Amino acid sequence: MTAHVDDLLVQIAHGSRNALAELYDLLAPLLLALLRSREGSMERACGDLVDAFARIWRRAPSYEPGHGGLEWVLDQATNADAPGRAT
């Protein structure tokens, strides 16, 4: 899955909305569960999920392929101030 996430992020960086939709379909359930465990409220977690995918869309051009795409996505989802690069 990690290589697939990496490939999707590269496509998103080049403006592919289809890749963003595929990434959402692949990871939204996992991210929503993670955010809900942090927030406690499904409503708040859903809002945070939308914000996370907006950050992924905006910051994907600064993602460095091969540097942990899944971890990078998790950083974007769990930290609103996460830098737009892999750590």
C-alpha atoms as a PDB file:
ATOM      1  CA  MET A   1       0.000   0.000   0.000  1.00  0.00           C
ATOM      2  CA  THR A   2       2.844   2.412   0.774  1.00  0.00           C
ATOM      3  CA  ALA A   3       4.126   2.395  -2.821  1.00  0.00           C
ATOM      4  CA  HIS A   4       0.594   2.971  -4.087  1.00  0.00           C
ATOM      5  CA  VAL A   5       0.142   5.945  -1.736  1.00  0.00           C
ATOM      6  CA  ASP A   6       3.458   7.338  -2.958  1.00  0.00           C
ATOM      7  CA  ASP A   7       2.336   7.016  -6.588  1.00  0.00           C
ATOM      8  CA  LEU A   8      -0.985   8.703  -5.823  1.00  0.00           C
ATOM      9  CA  LEU A   9       0.754  11.608  -4.094  1.00  0.00           C
ATOM     10  CA  VAL A  10       2.939  12.153  -7.159  1.00  0.00           C
ATOM     11  CA  GLN A  11      -0.178  12.209  -9.339  1.00  0.00           C
ATOM     12  CA  ILE A  12      -1.916  14.587  -6.929  1.00  0.00           C
ATOM     13  CA  ALA A  13       1.127  16.853  -7.048  1.00  0.00           C
ATOM     14  CA  HIS A  14       0.578  17.042 -10.809  1.00  0.00           C
ATOM     15  CA  GLY A  15      -3.059  18.050 -10.319  1.00  0.00           C
ATOM     16  CA  SER A  16      -4.880  14.720 -10.605  1.00  0.00           C
ATOM     17  CA  ARG A  17      -8.229  14.967  -8.881  1.00  0.00           C
ATOM     18  CA  ASN A  18      -8.823  11.305  -9.727  1.00  0.00           C
ATOM     19  CA  ALA A  19      -5.729  10.367  -7.720  1.00  0.00           C
ATOM     20  CA  LEU A  20      -7.004  12.464  -4.798  1.00  0.00           C
ATOM     21  CA  ALA A  21     -10.334  10.635  -4.970  1.00  0.00           C
ATOM     22  CA  GLU A  22      -8.534   7.285  -5.058  1.00  0.00           C
ATOM     23  CA  LEU A  23      -6.375   8.269  -2.083  1.00  0.00           C
ATOM     24  CA  TYR A  24      -9.523   9.323  -0.236  1.00  0.00           C
ATOM     25  CA  ASP A  25     -11.226   6.001  -0.981  1.00  0.00           C
ATOM     26  CA  LEU A  26      -8.122   4.129   0.151  1.00  0.00           C
ATOM     27  CA  LEU A  27      -7.335   6.013   3.365  1.00  0.00           C
ATOM     28  CA  ALA A  28     -10.400   7.931   4.553  1.00  0.00           C
ATOM     29  CA  PRO A  29     -11.749   5.099   6.748  1.00  0.00           C
ATOM     30  CA  LEU A  30      -8.384   4.720   8.491  1.00  0.00           C
ATOM     31  CA  LEU A  31      -7.887   8.460   8.897  1.00  0.00           C
ATOM     32  CA  LEU A  32     -11.440   8.993  10.121  1.00  0.00           C
ATOM     33  CA  ALA A  33     -10.981   6.318  12.808  1.00  0.00           C
ATOM     34  CA  LEU A  34      -7.689   7.908  13.852  1.00  0.00           C
ATOM     35  CA  LEU A  35      -9.159  11.401  13.971  1.00  0.00           C
ATOM     36  CA  ARG A  36     -12.230  10.223  15.851  1.00  0.00           C
ATOM     37  CA  SER A  37     -10.050   8.568  18.480  1.00  0.00           C
ATOM     38  CA  ARG A  38      -8.250  11.899  18.926  1.00  0.00           C
ATOM     39  CA  GLU A  39     -11.283  14.189  18.771  1.00  0.00           C
ATOM     40  CA  GLY A  40     -13.946  12.036  20.408  1.00  0.00           C
ATOM     41  CA  SER A  41     -16.649  13.527  18.191  1.00  0.00           C
ATOM     42  CA  MET A  42     -17.577  12.092  14.804  1.00  0.00           C
ATOM     43  CA  GLU A  43     -18.686  15.528  13.609  1.00  0.00           C
ATOM     44  CA  ARG A  44     -15.342  17.100  14.507  1.00  0.00           C
ATOM     45  CA  ALA A  45     -13.417  14.134  13.059  1.00  0.00           C
ATOM     46  CA  CYS A  46     -15.306  14.472   9.752  1.00  0.00           C
ATOM     47  CA  GLY A  47     -14.428  18.163   9.570  1.00  0.00           C
ATOM     48  CA  ASP A  48     -10.810  17.388  10.328  1.00  0.00           C
ATOM     49  CA  LEU A  49     -10.805  14.729   7.598  1.00  0.00           C
ATOM     50  CA  VAL A  50     -12.009  17.264   5.034  1.00  0.00           C
ATOM     51  CA  ASP A  51      -9.330  19.702   6.222  1.00  0.00           C
ATOM     52  CA  ALA A  52      -6.683  16.975   5.985  1.00  0.00           C
ATOM     53  CA  PHE A  53      -7.487  16.179   2.363  1.00  0.00           C
ATOM     54  CA  ALA A  54      -7.483  19.898   1.524  1.00  0.00           C
ATOM     55  CA  ARG A  55      -3.975  20.095   3.049  1.00  0.00           C
ATOM     56  CA  ILE A  56      -2.897  17.011   1.094  1.00  0.00           C
ATOM     57  CA  TRP A  57      -4.121  18.633  -2.135  1.00  0.00           C
ATOM     58  CA  ARG A  58      -2.321  21.907  -1.400  1.00  0.00           C
ATOM     59  CA  ARG A  59       0.900  20.407  -0.088  1.00  0.00           C
ATOM     60  CA  ALA A  60       1.339  17.431  -2.435  1.00  0.00           C
ATOM     61  CA  PRO A  61       3.627  19.397  -4.784  1.00  0.00           C
ATOM     62  CA  SER A  62       6.197  19.608  -1.985  1.00  0.00           C
ATOM     63  CA  TYR A  63       6.043  15.874  -1.194  1.00  0.00           C
ATOM     64  CA  GLU A  64       9.299  14.074  -1.997  1.00  0.00           C
ATOM     65  CA  PRO A  65       8.548  10.700  -3.634  1.00  0.00           C
ATOM     66  CA  GLY A  66       9.983   7.682  -1.905  1.00  0.00           C
ATOM     67  CA  HIS A  67      10.012   9.280   1.530  1.00  0.00           C
ATOM     68  CA  GLY A  68       7.113   7.506   3.215  1.00  0.00           C
ATOM     69  CA  GLY A  69       3.902   8.570   1.517  1.00  0.00           C
ATOM     70  CA  LEU A  70       1.664   6.949   4.108  1.00  0.00           C
ATOM     71  CA  GLU A  71       3.535   8.615   6.958  1.00  0.00           C
ATOM     72  CA  TRP A  72       3.351  11.938   5.147  1.00  0.00           C
ATOM     73  CA  VAL A  73      -0.427  11.575   4.747  1.00  0.00           C
ATOM     74  CA  LEU A  74      -0.761  10.692   8.430  1.00  0.00           C
ATOM     75  CA  ASP A  75       1.223  13.809   9.326  1.00  0.00           C
ATOM     76  CA  GLN A  76      -1.081  15.951   7.190  1.00  0.00           C
ATOM     77  CA  ALA A  77      -4.147  14.394   8.804  1.00  0.00           C
ATOM     78  CA  THR A  78      -3.028  14.638  12.412  1.00  0.00           C
ATOM     79  CA  ASN A  79      -1.121  17.888  12.452  1.00  0.00           C
ATOM     80  CA  ALA A  80      -2.646  20.976  10.862  1.00  0.00           C
ATOM     81  CA  ASP A  81       0.753  22.671  11.087  1.00  0.00           C
ATOM     82  CA  ALA A  82       2.629  19.756   9.511  1.00  0.00           C
ATOM     83  CA  PRO A  83       5.214  20.898   6.966  1.00  0.00           C
ATOM     84  CA  GLY A  84       4.578  20.111   3.341  1.00  0.00           C
ATOM     85  CA  ARG A  85       7.421  17.599   3.193  1.00  0.00           C
ATOM     86  CA  ALA A  86       8.176  14.168   4.526  1.00  0.00           C
ATOM     87  CA  THR A  87      10.062  13.975   7.798  1.00  0.00           C
END
